PDB file of N, CA and C in Angstrom:
ATOM      1  N   MET A   1      99.838  73.051 127.612  1.00  0.00           N
ATOM      2  CA  MET A   1     100.674  73.325 128.751  1.00  0.00           C
ATOM      3  C   MET A   1     102.091  73.706 128.325  1.00  0.00           C
ATOM      4  N   LYS A   2     102.639  72.968 127.349  1.00  0.00           N
ATOM      5  CA  LYS A   2     103.973  73.280 126.855  1.00  0.00           C
ATOM      6  C   LYS A   2     104.033  74.694 126.284  1.00  0.00           C
ATOM      7  N   PHE A   3     103.016  75.049 125.536  1.00  0.00           N
ATOM      8  CA  PHE A   3     102.971  76.375 124.919  1.00  0.00           C
ATOM      9  C   PHE A   3     102.993  77.473 125.991  1.00  0.00           C
ATOM     10  N   TYR A   4     102.251  77.276 127.048  1.00  0.00           N
ATOM     11  CA  TYR A   4     102.186  78.248 128.134  1.00  0.00           C
ATOM     12  C   TYR A   4     103.554  78.400 128.811  1.00  0.00           C
ATOM     13  N   ILE A   5     104.249  77.312 129.053  1.00  0.00           N
ATOM     14  CA  ILE A   5     105.573  77.346 129.689  1.00  0.00           C
ATOM     15  C   ILE A   5     106.573  78.046 128.780  1.00  0.00           C
ATOM     16  N   LYS A   6     106.526  77.750 127.483  1.00  0.00           N
ATOM     17  CA  LYS A   6     107.432  78.410 126.539  1.00  0.00           C
ATOM     18  C   LYS A   6     107.204  79.919 126.535  1.00  0.00           C
ATOM     19  N   ASN A   7     105.958  80.336 126.485  1.00  0.00           N
ATOM     20  CA  ASN A   7     105.648  81.768 126.510  1.00  0.00           C
ATOM     21  C   ASN A   7     106.095  82.414 127.815  1.00  0.00           C
ATOM     22  N   TYR A   8     105.926  81.711 128.909  1.00  0.00           N
ATOM     23  CA  TYR A   8     106.329  82.228 130.214  1.00  0.00           C
ATOM     24  C   TYR A   8     107.839  82.436 130.260  1.00  0.00           C
ATOM     25  N   ILE A   9     108.593  81.455 129.765  1.00  0.00           N
ATOM     26  CA  ILE A   9     110.053  81.561 129.738  1.00  0.00           C
ATOM     27  C   ILE A   9     110.485  82.700 128.822  1.00  0.00           C
ATOM     28  N   CYS A  10     109.855  82.824 127.674  1.00  0.00           N
ATOM     29  CA  CYS A  10     110.172  83.920 126.752  1.00  0.00           C
ATOM     30  C   CYS A  10     109.877  85.267 127.391  1.00  0.00           C
ATOM     31  N   THR A  11     108.765  85.358 128.121  1.00  0.00           N
ATOM     32  CA  THR A  11     108.404  86.610 128.790  1.00  0.00           C
ATOM     33  C   THR A  11     109.436  86.968 129.847  1.00  0.00           C
ATOM     34  N   ILE A  12     109.881  85.990 130.617  1.00  0.00           N
ATOM     35  CA  ILE A  12     110.902  86.239 131.643  1.00  0.00           C
ATOM     36  C   ILE A  12     112.193  86.710 130.990  1.00  0.00           C
ATOM     37  N   ASN A  13     112.602  86.076 129.907  1.00  0.00           N
ATOM     38  CA  ASN A  13     113.821  86.475 129.207  1.00  0.00           C
ATOM     39  C   ASN A  13     113.707  87.896 128.670  1.00  0.00           C
ATOM     40  N   LEU A  14     112.549  88.255 128.128  1.00  0.00           N
ATOM     41  CA  LEU A  14     112.356  89.616 127.626  1.00  0.00           C
ATOM     42  C   LEU A  14     112.432  90.636 128.754  1.00  0.00           C
ATOM     43  N   ILE A  15     111.866  90.313 129.892  1.00  0.00           N
ATOM     44  CA  ILE A  15     111.919  91.225 131.041  1.00  0.00           C
ATOM     45  C   ILE A  15     113.361  91.407 131.498  1.00  0.00           C
ATOM     46  N   LYS A  16     114.120  90.326 131.559  1.00  0.00           N
ATOM     47  CA  LYS A  16     115.535  90.413 131.938  1.00  0.00           C
ATOM     48  C   LYS A  16     116.304  91.272 130.938  1.00  0.00           C
ATOM     49  N   MET A  17     116.037  91.068 129.663  1.00  0.00           N
ATOM     50  CA  MET A  17     116.731  91.844 128.632  1.00  0.00           C
ATOM     51  C   MET A  17     116.381  93.321 128.736  1.00  0.00           C
ATOM     52  N   LYS A  18     115.123  93.635 129.034  1.00  0.00           N
ATOM     53  CA  LYS A  18     114.715  95.033 129.188  1.00  0.00           C
ATOM     54  C   LYS A  18     115.456  95.678 130.346  1.00  0.00           C
ATOM     55  N   LYS A  19     115.562  94.953 131.453  1.00  0.00           N
ATOM     56  CA  LYS A  19     116.271  95.486 132.621  1.00  0.00           C
ATOM     57  C   LYS A  19     117.739  95.748 132.297  1.00  0.00           C
ATOM     58  N   ILE A  20     118.346  94.817 131.604  1.00  0.00           N
ATOM     59  CA  ILE A  20     119.750  94.984 131.226  1.00  0.00           C
ATOM     60  C   ILE A  20     119.908  96.188 130.306  1.00  0.00           C
ATOM     61  N   LEU A  21     119.028  96.322 129.333  1.00  0.00           N
ATOM     62  CA  LEU A  21     119.094  97.465 128.420  1.00  0.00           C
ATOM     63  C   LEU A  21     118.893  98.783 129.159  1.00  0.00           C
ATOM     64  N   LEU A  22     117.950  98.809 130.091  1.00  0.00           N
ATOM     65  CA  LEU A  22     117.714 100.033 130.856  1.00  0.00           C
ATOM     66  C   LEU A  22     118.916 100.396 131.717  1.00  0.00           C
ATOM     67  N   LEU A  23     119.636  99.404 132.199  1.00  0.00           N
ATOM     68  CA  LEU A  23     120.845  99.673 132.973  1.00  0.00           C
ATOM     69  C   LEU A  23     121.992 100.148 132.082  1.00  0.00           C
ATOM     70  N   LEU A  24     122.040  99.645 130.868  1.00  0.00           N
ATOM     71  CA  LEU A  24     123.127  99.999 129.955  1.00  0.00           C
ATOM     72  C   LEU A  24     122.919 101.332 129.244  1.00  0.00           C
ATOM     73  N   LEU A  25     121.684 101.764 129.087  1.00  0.00           N
ATOM     74  CA  LEU A  25     121.415 102.998 128.343  1.00  0.00           C
ATOM     75  C   LEU A  25     122.144 104.220 128.901  1.00  0.00           C
ATOM     76  N   PRO A  26     122.127 104.476 130.210  1.00  0.00           N
ATOM     77  CA  PRO A  26     122.870 105.648 130.704  1.00  0.00           C
ATOM     78  C   PRO A  26     124.366 105.564 130.412  1.00  0.00           C
ATOM     79  N   ILE A  27     124.922 104.366 130.513  1.00  0.00           N
ATOM     80  CA  ILE A  27     126.346 104.193 130.224  1.00  0.00           C
ATOM     81  C   ILE A  27     126.619 104.471 128.750  1.00  0.00           C
ATOM     82  N   LEU A  28     125.788 103.952 127.882  1.00  0.00           N
ATOM     83  CA  LEU A  28     125.955 104.205 126.450  1.00  0.00           C
ATOM     84  C   LEU A  28     125.801 105.684 126.121  1.00  0.00           C
ATOM     85  N   PHE A  29     124.876 106.349 126.785  1.00  0.00           N
ATOM     86  CA  PHE A  29     124.667 107.780 126.562  1.00  0.00           C
ATOM     87  C   PHE A  29     125.905 108.574 126.961  1.00  0.00           C
ATOM     88  N   ILE A  30     126.492 108.247 128.105  1.00  0.00           N
ATOM     89  CA  ILE A  30     127.692 108.948 128.567  1.00  0.00           C
ATOM     90  C   ILE A  30     128.840 108.727 127.597  1.00  0.00           C
ATOM     91  N   ILE A  31     129.014 107.498 127.164  1.00  0.00           N
ATOM     92  CA  ILE A  31     130.096 107.190 126.226  1.00  0.00           C
ATOM     93  C   ILE A  31     129.885 107.918 124.902  1.00  0.00           C
ATOM     94  N   ALA A  32     128.667 107.950 124.426  1.00  0.00           N
ATOM     95  CA  ALA A  32     128.377 108.590 123.141  1.00  0.00           C
ATOM     96  C   ALA A  32     128.553 110.101 123.210  1.00  0.00           C
ATOM     97  N   CYS A  33     128.315 110.691 124.364  1.00  0.00           N
ATOM     98  CA  CYS A  33     128.407 112.144 124.490  1.00  0.00           C
ATOM     99  C   CYS A  33     129.835 112.626 124.683  1.00  0.00           C
ATOM    100  N   ASP A  34     130.759 111.741 125.004  1.00  0.00           N
ATOM    101  CA  ASP A  34     132.154 112.137 125.147  1.00  0.00           C
ATOM    102  C   ASP A  34     132.769 112.166 123.758  1.00  0.00           C
ATOM    103  N   LYS A  35     132.907 113.353 123.220  1.00  0.00           N
ATOM    104  CA  LYS A  35     133.444 113.490 121.870  1.00  0.00           C
ATOM    105  C   LYS A  35     134.950 113.258 121.920  1.00  0.00           C
ATOM    106  N   LYS A  36     135.367 112.159 121.383  1.00  0.00           N
ATOM    107  CA  LYS A  36     136.769 111.770 121.433  1.00  0.00           C
ATOM    108  C   LYS A  36     137.648 112.824 120.781  1.00  0.00           C
ATOM    109  N   GLY A  37     138.666 113.230 121.506  1.00  0.00           N
ATOM    110  CA  GLY A  37     139.611 114.191 120.986  1.00  0.00           C
ATOM    111  C   GLY A  37     139.229 115.636 121.182  1.00  0.00           C
ATOM    112  N   GLU A  38     138.001 115.902 121.630  1.00  0.00           N
ATOM    113  CA  GLU A  38     137.562 117.287 121.817  1.00  0.00           C
ATOM    114  C   GLU A  38     138.262 117.891 123.033  1.00  0.00           C
ATOM    115  N   PRO A  39     138.838 119.084 122.883  1.00  0.00           N
ATOM    116  CA  PRO A  39     139.479 119.725 124.028  1.00  0.00           C
ATOM    117  C   PRO A  39     138.463 120.031 125.127  1.00  0.00           C
ATOM    118  N   PHE A  40     138.935 119.991 126.353  1.00  0.00           N
ATOM    119  CA  PHE A  40     138.106 120.342 127.502  1.00  0.00           C
ATOM    120  C   PHE A  40     138.825 121.457 128.247  1.00  0.00           C
ATOM    121  N   SER A  41     138.251 122.644 128.238  1.00  0.00           N
ATOM    122  CA  SER A  41     138.872 123.816 128.849  1.00  0.00           C
ATOM    123  C   SER A  41     138.495 123.908 130.321  1.00  0.00           C
ATOM    124  N   GLN A  42     139.520 124.064 131.179  1.00  0.00           N
ATOM    125  CA  GLN A  42     139.264 124.175 132.616  1.00  0.00           C
ATOM    126  C   GLN A  42     140.340 125.025 133.279  1.00  0.00           C
ATOM    127  N   ILE A  43     139.895 125.945 134.138  1.00  0.00           N
ATOM    128  CA  ILE A  43     140.794 126.805 134.909  1.00  0.00           C
ATOM    129  C   ILE A  43     140.796 126.321 136.350  1.00  0.00           C
ATOM    130  N   CYS A  44     141.995 126.180 136.921  1.00  0.00           N
ATOM    131  CA  CYS A  44     142.124 125.795 138.328  1.00  0.00           C
ATOM    132  C   CYS A  44     142.725 126.958 139.114  1.00  0.00           C
ATOM    133  N   VAL A  45     142.133 127.227 140.258  1.00  0.00           N
ATOM    134  CA  VAL A  45     142.632 128.272 141.153  1.00  0.00           C
ATOM    135  C   VAL A  45     142.414 127.778 142.577  1.00  0.00           C
ATOM    136  N   ASP A  46     143.370 128.083 143.467  1.00  0.00           N
ATOM    137  CA  ASP A  46     143.287 127.593 144.843  1.00  0.00           C
ATOM    138  C   ASP A  46     142.181 128.255 145.647  1.00  0.00           C
ATOM    139  N   ASN A  47     141.865 129.492 145.316  1.00  0.00           N
ATOM    140  CA  ASN A  47     140.900 130.257 146.093  1.00  0.00           C
ATOM    141  C   ASN A  47     140.113 131.145 145.138  1.00  0.00           C
ATOM    142  N   VAL A  48     138.921 131.557 145.512  1.00  0.00           N
ATOM    143  CA  VAL A  48     138.163 132.487 144.675  1.00  0.00           C
ATOM    144  C   VAL A  48     137.975 133.837 145.359  1.00  0.00           C
ATOM    145  N   THR A  49     138.509 133.983 146.578  1.00  0.00           N
ATOM    146  CA  THR A  49     138.451 135.264 147.278  1.00  0.00           C
ATOM    147  C   THR A  49     139.869 135.682 147.642  1.00  0.00           C
ATOM    148  N   PHE A  50     140.224 136.902 147.233  1.00  0.00           N
ATOM    149  CA  PHE A  50     141.551 137.439 147.487  1.00  0.00           C
ATOM    150  C   PHE A  50     141.416 138.851 148.037  1.00  0.00           C
ATOM    151  N   HIS A  51     142.565 139.462 148.369  1.00  0.00           N
ATOM    152  CA  HIS A  51     142.599 140.851 148.827  1.00  0.00           C
ATOM    153  C   HIS A  51     143.444 141.666 147.854  1.00  0.00           C
ATOM    154  N   VAL A  52     143.201 142.974 147.837  1.00  0.00           N
ATOM    155  CA  VAL A  52     143.968 143.873 146.970  1.00  0.00           C
ATOM    156  C   VAL A  52     145.453 143.673 147.267  1.00  0.00           C
ATOM    157  N   GLY A  53     146.252 143.507 146.232  1.00  0.00           N
ATOM    158  CA  GLY A  53     147.690 143.305 146.381  1.00  0.00           C
ATOM    159  C   GLY A  53     148.103 141.842 146.419  1.00  0.00           C
ATOM    160  N   ASP A  54     147.152 140.916 146.632  1.00  0.00           N
ATOM    161  CA  ASP A  54     147.480 139.486 146.592  1.00  0.00           C
ATOM    162  C   ASP A  54     147.853 139.083 145.167  1.00  0.00           C
ATOM    163  N   THR A  55     148.708 138.085 145.058  1.00  0.00           N
ATOM    164  CA  THR A  55     149.028 137.529 143.746  1.00  0.00           C
ATOM    165  C   THR A  55     148.081 136.363 143.475  1.00  0.00           C
ATOM    166  N   ILE A  56     147.318 136.487 142.414  1.00  0.00           N
ATOM    167  CA  ILE A  56     146.374 135.443 142.016  1.00  0.00           C
ATOM    168  C   ILE A  56     147.055 134.583 140.958  1.00  0.00           C
ATOM    169  N   LYS A  57     147.129 133.276 141.216  1.00  0.00           N
ATOM    170  CA  LYS A  57     147.710 132.355 140.238  1.00  0.00           C
ATOM    171  C   LYS A  57     146.612 131.428 139.738  1.00  0.00           C
ATOM    172  N   LEU A  58     146.467 131.364 138.421  1.00  0.00           N
ATOM    173  CA  LEU A  58     145.503 130.462 137.796  1.00  0.00           C
ATOM    174  C   LEU A  58     146.262 129.480 136.915  1.00  0.00           C
ATOM    175  N   ASN A  59     145.843 128.219 136.964  1.00  0.00           N
ATOM    176  CA  ASN A  59     146.481 127.160 136.182  1.00  0.00           C
ATOM    177  C   ASN A  59     145.544 126.651 135.098  1.00  0.00           C
ATOM    178  N   ASN A  60     146.140 126.243 134.005  1.00  0.00           N
ATOM    179  CA  ASN A  60     145.391 125.600 132.936  1.00  0.00           C
ATOM    180  C   ASN A  60     145.301 124.112 133.260  1.00  0.00           C
ATOM    181  N   CYS A  61     144.130 123.651 133.640  1.00  0.00           N
ATOM    182  CA  CYS A  61     143.894 122.230 133.951  1.00  0.00           C
ATOM    183  C   CYS A  61     143.127 121.547 132.819  1.00  0.00           C
ATOM    184  N   SER A  62     143.200 122.109 131.634  1.00  0.00           N
ATOM    185  CA  SER A  62     142.464 121.588 130.478  1.00  0.00           C
ATOM    186  C   SER A  62     143.005 120.233 130.049  1.00  0.00           C
ATOM    187  N   LYS A  63     142.217 119.553 129.227  1.00  0.00           N
ATOM    188  CA  LYS A  63     142.613 118.251 128.697  1.00  0.00           C
ATOM    189  C   LYS A  63     142.514 118.266 127.177  1.00  0.00           C
ATOM    190  N   ARG A  64     143.384 117.490 126.555  1.00  0.00           N
ATOM    191  CA  ARG A  64     143.377 117.277 125.096  1.00  0.00           C
ATOM    192  C   ARG A  64     143.486 118.580 124.305  1.00  0.00           C
ATOM    193  N   TYR A  65     144.431 119.411 124.648  1.00  0.00           N
ATOM    194  CA  TYR A  65     144.606 120.669 123.921  1.00  0.00           C
ATOM    195  C   TYR A  65     146.044 120.778 123.419  1.00  0.00           C
ATOM    196  N   ASP A  66     146.224 121.549 122.352  1.00  0.00           N
ATOM    197  CA  ASP A  66     147.553 121.829 121.807  1.00  0.00           C
ATOM    198  C   ASP A  66     147.974 123.260 122.111  1.00  0.00           C
ATOM    199  N   THR A  67     147.025 124.179 121.964  1.00  0.00           N
ATOM    200  CA  THR A  67     147.338 125.590 122.197  1.00  0.00           C
ATOM    201  C   THR A  67     146.356 126.178 123.202  1.00  0.00           C
ATOM    202  N   GLN A  68     146.814 127.223 123.856  1.00  0.00           N
ATOM    203  CA  GLN A  68     146.008 127.893 124.870  1.00  0.00           C
ATOM    204  C   GLN A  68     146.201 129.396 124.765  1.00  0.00           C
ATOM    205  N   ARG A  69     145.192 130.115 125.200  1.00  0.00           N
ATOM    206  CA  ARG A  69     145.282 131.582 125.218  1.00  0.00           C
ATOM    207  C   ARG A  69     144.432 132.083 126.381  1.00  0.00           C
ATOM    208  N   TRP A  70     145.072 132.861 127.243  1.00  0.00           N
ATOM    209  CA  TRP A  70     144.389 133.467 128.389  1.00  0.00           C
ATOM    210  C   TRP A  70     143.978 134.884 128.040  1.00  0.00           C
ATOM    211  N   LEU A  71     142.824 135.290 128.503  1.00  0.00           N
ATOM    212  CA  LEU A  71     142.397 136.684 128.432  1.00  0.00           C
ATOM    213  C   LEU A  71     142.224 137.148 129.871  1.00  0.00           C
ATOM    214  N   MET A  72     143.058 138.107 130.248  1.00  0.00           N
ATOM    215  CA  MET A  72     143.087 138.600 131.626  1.00  0.00           C
ATOM    216  C   MET A  72     142.053 139.715 131.814  1.00  0.00           C
ATOM    217  N   PRO A  73     141.715 140.036 133.073  1.00  0.00           N
ATOM    218  CA  PRO A  73     140.733 141.100 133.333  1.00  0.00           C
ATOM    219  C   PRO A  73     141.151 142.473 132.811  1.00  0.00           C
ATOM    220  N   ASP A  74     142.467 142.697 132.682  1.00  0.00           N
ATOM    221  CA  ASP A  74     142.951 143.984 132.165  1.00  0.00           C
ATOM    222  C   ASP A  74     143.140 143.951 130.648  1.00  0.00           C
ATOM    223  N   SER A  75     142.589 142.948 129.985  1.00  0.00           N
ATOM    224  CA  SER A  75     142.609 142.761 128.524  1.00  0.00           C
ATOM    225  C   SER A  75     143.948 142.302 127.967  1.00  0.00           C
ATOM    226  N   THR A  76     144.921 142.005 128.814  1.00  0.00           N
ATOM    227  CA  THR A  76     146.170 141.433 128.317  1.00  0.00           C
ATOM    228  C   THR A  76     145.947 139.944 128.044  1.00  0.00           C
ATOM    229  N   THR A  77     146.826 139.365 127.233  1.00  0.00           N
ATOM    230  CA  THR A  77     146.715 137.944 126.901  1.00  0.00           C
ATOM    231  C   THR A  77     148.011 137.225 127.251  1.00  0.00           C
ATOM    232  N   SER A  78     147.926 135.919 127.357  1.00  0.00           N
ATOM    233  CA  SER A  78     149.090 135.093 127.645  1.00  0.00           C
ATOM    234  C   SER A  78     148.874 133.722 127.023  1.00  0.00           C
ATOM    235  N   THR A  79     149.982 133.044 126.695  1.00  0.00           N
ATOM    236  CA  THR A  79     149.907 131.682 126.168  1.00  0.00           C
ATOM    237  C   THR A  79     150.624 130.693 127.092  1.00  0.00           C
ATOM    238  N   ASN A  80     150.869 131.085 128.327  1.00  0.00           N
ATOM    239  CA  ASN A  80     151.539 130.217 129.304  1.00  0.00           C
ATOM    240  C   ASN A  80     150.564 129.199 129.893  1.00  0.00           C
ATOM    241  N   ASP A  81     151.120 128.176 130.559  1.00  0.00           N
ATOM    242  CA  ASP A  81     150.289 127.180 131.239  1.00  0.00           C
ATOM    243  C   ASP A  81     149.603 127.757 132.468  1.00  0.00           C
ATOM    244  N   PHE A  82     150.188 128.779 133.047  1.00  0.00           N
ATOM    245  CA  PHE A  82     149.602 129.428 134.217  1.00  0.00           C
ATOM    246  C   PHE A  82     149.821 130.931 134.096  1.00  0.00           C
ATOM    247  N   VAL A  83     148.989 131.694 134.794  1.00  0.00           N
ATOM    248  CA  VAL A  83     149.106 133.155 134.755  1.00  0.00           C
ATOM    249  C   VAL A  83     149.035 133.707 136.173  1.00  0.00           C
ATOM    250  N   PHE A  84     149.651 134.888 136.336  1.00  0.00           N
ATOM    251  CA  PHE A  84     149.600 135.616 137.597  1.00  0.00           C
ATOM    252  C   PHE A  84     148.913 136.947 137.354  1.00  0.00           C
ATOM    253  N   PHE A  85     148.191 137.411 138.362  1.00  0.00           N
ATOM    254  CA  PHE A  85     147.522 138.708 138.271  1.00  0.00           C
ATOM    255  C   PHE A  85     147.496 139.313 139.670  1.00  0.00           C
ATOM    256  N   VAL A  86     147.876 140.600 139.764  1.00  0.00           N
ATOM    257  CA  VAL A  86     147.852 141.312 141.042  1.00  0.00           C
ATOM    258  C   VAL A  86     146.826 142.434 140.924  1.00  0.00           C
ATOM    259  N   PRO A  87     145.680 142.299 141.597  1.00  0.00           N
ATOM    260  CA  PRO A  87     144.636 143.326 141.498  1.00  0.00           C
ATOM    261  C   PRO A  87     145.008 144.585 142.283  1.00  0.00           C
ATOM    262  N   SER A  88     144.714 145.734 141.693  1.00  0.00           N
ATOM    263  CA  SER A  88     145.025 147.010 142.349  1.00  0.00           C
ATOM    264  C   SER A  88     143.810 147.628 143.028  1.00  0.00           C
ATOM    265  N   HIS A  89     142.635 147.035 142.825  1.00  0.00           N
ATOM    266  CA  HIS A  89     141.421 147.554 143.454  1.00  0.00           C
ATOM    267  C   HIS A  89     140.448 146.391 143.700  1.00  0.00           C
ATOM    268  N   PRO A  90     139.519 146.559 144.636  1.00  0.00           N
ATOM    269  CA  PRO A  90     138.564 145.482 144.922  1.00  0.00           C
ATOM    270  C   PRO A  90     137.543 145.319 143.797  1.00  0.00           C
ATOM    271  N   GLY A  91     136.925 144.155 143.751  1.00  0.00           N
ATOM    272  CA  GLY A  91     135.891 143.881 142.749  1.00  0.00           C
ATOM    273  C   GLY A  91     135.939 142.436 142.295  1.00  0.00           C
ATOM    274  N   ASP A  92     135.124 142.131 141.312  1.00  0.00           N
ATOM    275  CA  ASP A  92     135.117 140.802 140.704  1.00  0.00           C
ATOM    276  C   ASP A  92     135.934 140.843 139.417  1.00  0.00           C
ATOM    277  N   PHE A  93     136.837 139.891 139.266  1.00  0.00           N
ATOM    278  CA  PHE A  93     137.718 139.832 138.102  1.00  0.00           C
ATOM    279  C   PHE A  93     137.490 138.503 137.385  1.00  0.00           C
ATOM    280  N   THR A  94     137.237 138.575 136.082  1.00  0.00           N
ATOM    281  CA  THR A  94     136.960 137.374 135.293  1.00  0.00           C
ATOM    282  C   THR A  94     138.141 137.065 134.379  1.00  0.00           C
ATOM    283  N   PHE A  95     138.591 135.825 134.453  1.00  0.00           N
ATOM    284  CA  PHE A  95     139.675 135.319 133.613  1.00  0.00           C
ATOM    285  C   PHE A  95     139.064 134.339 132.623  1.00  0.00           C
ATOM    286  N   LYS A  96     139.513 134.385 131.373  1.00  0.00           N
ATOM    287  CA  LYS A  96     139.010 133.462 130.354  1.00  0.00           C
ATOM    288  C   LYS A  96     140.180 132.678 129.770  1.00  0.00           C
ATOM    289  N   LEU A  97     139.913 131.424 129.481  1.00  0.00           N
ATOM    290  CA  LEU A  97     140.906 130.541 128.887  1.00  0.00           C
ATOM    291  C   LEU A  97     140.303 129.896 127.647  1.00  0.00           C
ATOM    292  N   TYR A  98     141.034 129.976 126.545  1.00  0.00           N
ATOM    293  CA  TYR A  98     140.614 129.367 125.282  1.00  0.00           C
ATOM    294  C   TYR A  98     141.634 128.293 124.922  1.00  0.00           C
ATOM    295  N   VAL A  99     141.158 127.080 124.664  1.00  0.00           N
ATOM    296  CA  VAL A  99     142.055 126.002 124.244  1.00  0.00           C
ATOM    297  C   VAL A  99     141.540 125.406 122.939  1.00  0.00           C
ATOM    298  N   THR A 100     142.456 124.834 122.187  1.00  0.00           N
ATOM    299  CA  THR A 100     142.094 124.165 120.937  1.00  0.00           C
ATOM    300  C   THR A 100     143.133 123.084 120.646  1.00  0.00           C
ATOM    301  N   ASN A 101     142.803 122.224 119.714  1.00  0.00           N
ATOM    302  CA  ASN A 101     143.788 121.265 119.223  1.00  0.00           C
ATOM    303  C   ASN A 101     143.624 121.122 117.715  1.00  0.00           C
ATOM    304  N   SER A 102     144.479 120.328 117.108  1.00  0.00           N
ATOM    305  CA  SER A 102     144.501 120.236 115.645  1.00  0.00           C
ATOM    306  C   SER A 102     143.279 119.522 115.063  1.00  0.00           C
ATOM    307  N   LYS A 103     142.496 118.827 115.890  1.00  0.00           N
ATOM    308  CA  LYS A 103     141.337 118.093 115.389  1.00  0.00           C
ATOM    309  C   LYS A 103     140.074 118.946 115.310  1.00  0.00           C
ATOM    310  N   PHE A 104     140.065 120.085 115.994  1.00  0.00           N
ATOM    311  CA  PHE A 104     138.866 120.909 116.053  1.00  0.00           C
ATOM    312  C   PHE A 104     139.191 122.343 115.646  1.00  0.00           C
ATOM    313  N   ILE A 105     138.281 122.965 114.922  1.00  0.00           N
ATOM    314  CA  ILE A 105     138.476 124.329 114.441  1.00  0.00           C
ATOM    315  C   ILE A 105     138.198 125.343 115.540  1.00  0.00           C
ATOM    316  N   ASN A 106     137.158 125.101 116.315  1.00  0.00           N
ATOM    317  CA  ASN A 106     136.710 126.077 117.308  1.00  0.00           C
ATOM    318  C   ASN A 106     137.585 126.095 118.550  1.00  0.00           C
ATOM    319  N   ASP A 107     137.604 127.261 119.218  1.00  0.00           N
ATOM    320  CA  ASP A 107     138.203 127.373 120.542  1.00  0.00           C
ATOM    321  C   ASP A 107     137.191 126.887 121.565  1.00  0.00           C
ATOM    322  N   PHE A 108     137.679 126.273 122.612  1.00  0.00           N
ATOM    323  CA  PHE A 108     136.833 125.850 123.721  1.00  0.00           C
ATOM    324  C   PHE A 108     137.166 126.749 124.904  1.00  0.00           C
ATOM    325  N   GLU A 109     136.151 127.377 125.459  1.00  0.00           N
ATOM    326  CA  GLU A 109     136.346 128.448 126.442  1.00  0.00           C
ATOM    327  C   GLU A 109     135.897 128.025 127.833  1.00  0.00           C
ATOM    328  N   SER A 110     136.639 128.514 128.824  1.00  0.00           N
ATOM    329  CA  SER A 110     136.184 128.437 130.214  1.00  0.00           C
ATOM    330  C   SER A 110     136.512 129.771 130.861  1.00  0.00           C
ATOM    331  N   SER A 111     135.798 130.087 131.920  1.00  0.00           N
ATOM    332  CA  SER A 111     136.063 131.343 132.622  1.00  0.00           C
ATOM    333  C   SER A 111     135.981 131.104 134.118  1.00  0.00           C
ATOM    334  N   LYS A 112     136.682 131.941 134.850  1.00  0.00           N
ATOM    335  CA  LYS A 112     136.680 131.865 136.309  1.00  0.00           C
ATOM    336  C   LYS A 112     136.644 133.290 136.831  1.00  0.00           C
ATOM    337  N   THR A 113     135.714 133.558 137.737  1.00  0.00           N
ATOM    338  CA  THR A 113     135.606 134.877 138.353  1.00  0.00           C
ATOM    339  C   THR A 113     136.087 134.779 139.789  1.00  0.00           C
ATOM    340  N   VAL A 114     137.000 135.670 140.154  1.00  0.00           N
ATOM    341  CA  VAL A 114     137.488 135.726 141.532  1.00  0.00           C
ATOM    342  C   VAL A 114     137.072 137.054 142.144  1.00  0.00           C
ATOM    343  N   ASN A 115     136.840 137.025 143.433  1.00  0.00           N
ATOM    344  CA  ASN A 115     136.418 138.221 144.158  1.00  0.00           C
ATOM    345  C   ASN A 115     137.606 138.772 144.927  1.00  0.00           C
ATOM    346  N   VAL A 116     137.851 140.076 144.782  1.00  0.00           N
ATOM    347  CA  VAL A 116     138.955 140.740 145.477  1.00  0.00           C
ATOM    348  C   VAL A 116     138.368 141.711 146.492  1.00  0.00           C
ATOM    349  N   GLN A 117     138.722 141.483 147.748  1.00  0.00           N
ATOM    350  CA  GLN A 117     138.267 142.324 148.858  1.00  0.00           C
ATOM    351  C   GLN A 117     139.300 143.419 149.140  1.00  0.00           C
ATOM    352  N   PRO A 118     138.863 144.526 149.789  1.00  0.00           N
ATOM    353  CA  PRO A 118     139.823 145.605 150.133  1.00  0.00           C
ATOM    354  C   PRO A 118     140.896 145.127 151.102  1.00  0.00           C
TER     355      PRO A 118
END
């Protein structure tokens, strides 16, 4: 009888431990996938639809970066925190942002496409 009770208690403890581990695994996965110090490139814009002649302002909302470089739809570049662009014709315009820091060799890229109506 004692042996049966001991095994039962051990089984209950193992089940509890499994449940705890299953609850912790997603949290551990998220923490492990966040590469500490890695730049995160992000472009912020108030709207994605504009009209010809509107001034489009895009902001660098990136995290953990030292340097930045914008590539505009007209192939010009900028190193400012934000950029302005005035479209002269309708269409879709894609802006690219590259950020990096001293801990990583590669550039981290994000892009945002805005639609310009007549």
